[in-house]
């Protein structure tokens, strides 16, 4: 007696999944459109960042003008302009490590 293997719909051979995603036209167009949208969004982000930097630079200029006006008014009243010390602005330093081992909590 010959034994037959029962086959179902799942055993039907198809060509689906064998094609490269780049060769299917609608998938290629979808990838292109996604890339174009991302390019547009990044361009807007860049414009917004550049505008923000421009506004910050403008504010620096406004601050410097106001500072010079204050110094001029002080000099007109006979007050000498303060001379900055020899030290520049200090950068914050990291606190020295108290332990060399793992993190410990003291109560």
Protein backbone atom coordinates (compact mmCIF):
# COMPACT_ATOMS: atom_id res chain seq x y z
CA UNK A 1 0.00 0.00 0.00
CA UNK A 2 1.33 3.44 -0.95
CA UNK A 3 1.19 6.01 1.74
CA UNK A 4 0.03 9.46 0.58
CA UNK A 5 0.95 12.68 2.30
CA UNK A 6 -2.01 14.96 2.81
CA UNK A 7 -1.26 18.44 1.56
CA UNK A 8 -3.18 21.64 2.13
CA UNK A 9 -3.33 25.20 0.90
CA UNK A 10 -0.19 26.05 2.89
CA UNK A 11 1.84 23.68 0.73
CA UNK A 12 1.08 25.44 -2.58
CA UNK A 13 4.28 26.92 -3.98
CA UNK A 14 4.10 30.60 -4.97
CA UNK A 15 6.54 33.24 -6.14
CA UNK A 16 5.58 35.68 -3.40
CA UNK A 17 8.48 36.92 -1.33
CA UNK A 18 11.03 36.02 -3.99
CA UNK A 19 11.04 39.43 -5.68
CA UNK A 20 13.48 42.05 -4.48
CA UNK A 21 11.77 44.97 -2.72
CA UNK A 22 13.66 47.44 -4.93
CA UNK A 23 12.24 45.95 -8.10
CA UNK A 24 8.61 46.37 -7.10
CA UNK A 25 7.66 49.83 -8.41
CA UNK A 26 5.19 50.89 -5.71
CA UNK A 27 7.66 49.99 -2.94
CA UNK A 28 10.43 51.97 -4.63
CA UNK A 29 8.13 55.00 -4.98
CA UNK A 30 7.13 54.67 -1.34
CA UNK A 31 10.78 54.64 -0.24
CA UNK A 32 11.45 57.71 -2.39
CA UNK A 33 8.49 59.58 -0.95
CA UNK A 34 9.55 58.73 2.63
CA UNK A 35 13.06 59.99 1.92
CA UNK A 36 11.72 63.21 0.40
CA UNK A 37 9.48 63.82 3.43
CA UNK A 38 12.39 63.27 5.81
CA UNK A 39 14.56 65.62 3.74
CA UNK A 40 11.86 68.31 3.95
CA UNK A 41 11.46 67.86 7.73
CA UNK A 42 15.22 68.04 8.30
CA UNK A 43 15.38 71.19 6.17
CA UNK A 44 12.70 72.82 8.34
CA UNK A 45 14.57 71.77 11.50
CA UNK A 46 17.75 73.30 10.11
CA UNK A 47 15.98 76.57 9.22
CA UNK A 48 14.45 76.79 12.70
CA UNK A 49 17.81 76.12 14.36
CA UNK A 50 19.57 78.75 12.23
CA UNK A 51 16.82 81.27 13.03
CA UNK A 52 17.22 80.54 16.74
CA UNK A 53 20.99 81.06 16.51
CA UNK A 54 20.42 84.34 14.63
CA UNK A 55 18.08 85.55 17.38
CA UNK A 56 20.62 84.61 20.07
CA UNK A 57 23.36 86.50 18.22
CA UNK A 58 21.07 89.54 17.91
CA UNK A 59 20.37 89.40 21.64
CA UNK A 60 24.13 89.31 22.36
CA UNK A 61 24.52 92.47 20.28
CA UNK A 62 21.63 94.15 22.09
CA UNK A 63 23.16 93.26 25.46
CA UNK A 64 26.52 94.69 24.42
CA UNK A 65 24.90 97.95 23.24
CA UNK A 66 22.99 98.28 26.53
CA UNK A 67 26.18 97.55 28.47
CA UNK A 68 28.09 100.25 26.60
CA UNK A 69 25.27 102.74 27.26
CA UNK A 70 25.45 102.00 31.00
CA UNK A 71 29.23 102.45 31.01
CA UNK A 72 28.89 105.75 29.11
CA UNK A 73 26.30 107.02 31.61
CA UNK A 74 28.55 106.01 34.52
CA UNK A 75 31.56 107.77 32.98
CA UNK A 76 29.47 110.91 32.40
CA UNK A 77 28.76 110.98 36.14
CA UNK A 78 32.47 110.60 36.92
CA UNK A 79 32.38 106.95 37.97
CA UNK A 80 35.34 104.95 36.67
CA UNK A 81 34.74 101.88 34.58
CA UNK A 82 35.36 98.67 36.55
CA UNK A 83 38.46 96.80 35.44
CA UNK A 84 38.01 93.05 35.13
CA UNK A 85 40.33 90.95 37.26
CA UNK A 86 43.18 88.90 35.80
CA UNK A 87 41.13 85.73 36.08
CA UNK A 88 38.68 84.78 33.41
CA UNK A 89 35.46 82.93 34.07
CA UNK A 90 36.20 79.72 35.90
CA UNK A 91 34.95 76.47 34.51
CA UNK A 92 33.18 74.19 36.95
CA UNK A 93 35.35 71.32 38.10
CA UNK A 94 34.20 67.83 38.87
CA UNK A 95 34.16 66.94 42.54
CA UNK A 96 36.94 64.55 43.55
CA UNK A 97 35.89 60.95 43.97
CA UNK A 98 35.63 59.89 47.57
CA UNK A 99 35.77 56.19 46.75
CA UNK A 100 37.39 54.08 44.12
CA UNK A 101 34.96 51.19 44.44
CA UNK A 102 31.35 50.73 43.46
CA UNK A 103 28.56 53.07 44.43
CA UNK A 104 28.03 53.14 48.19
CA UNK A 105 25.36 54.77 50.31
CA UNK A 106 26.23 55.93 53.82
CA UNK A 107 23.51 56.36 56.43
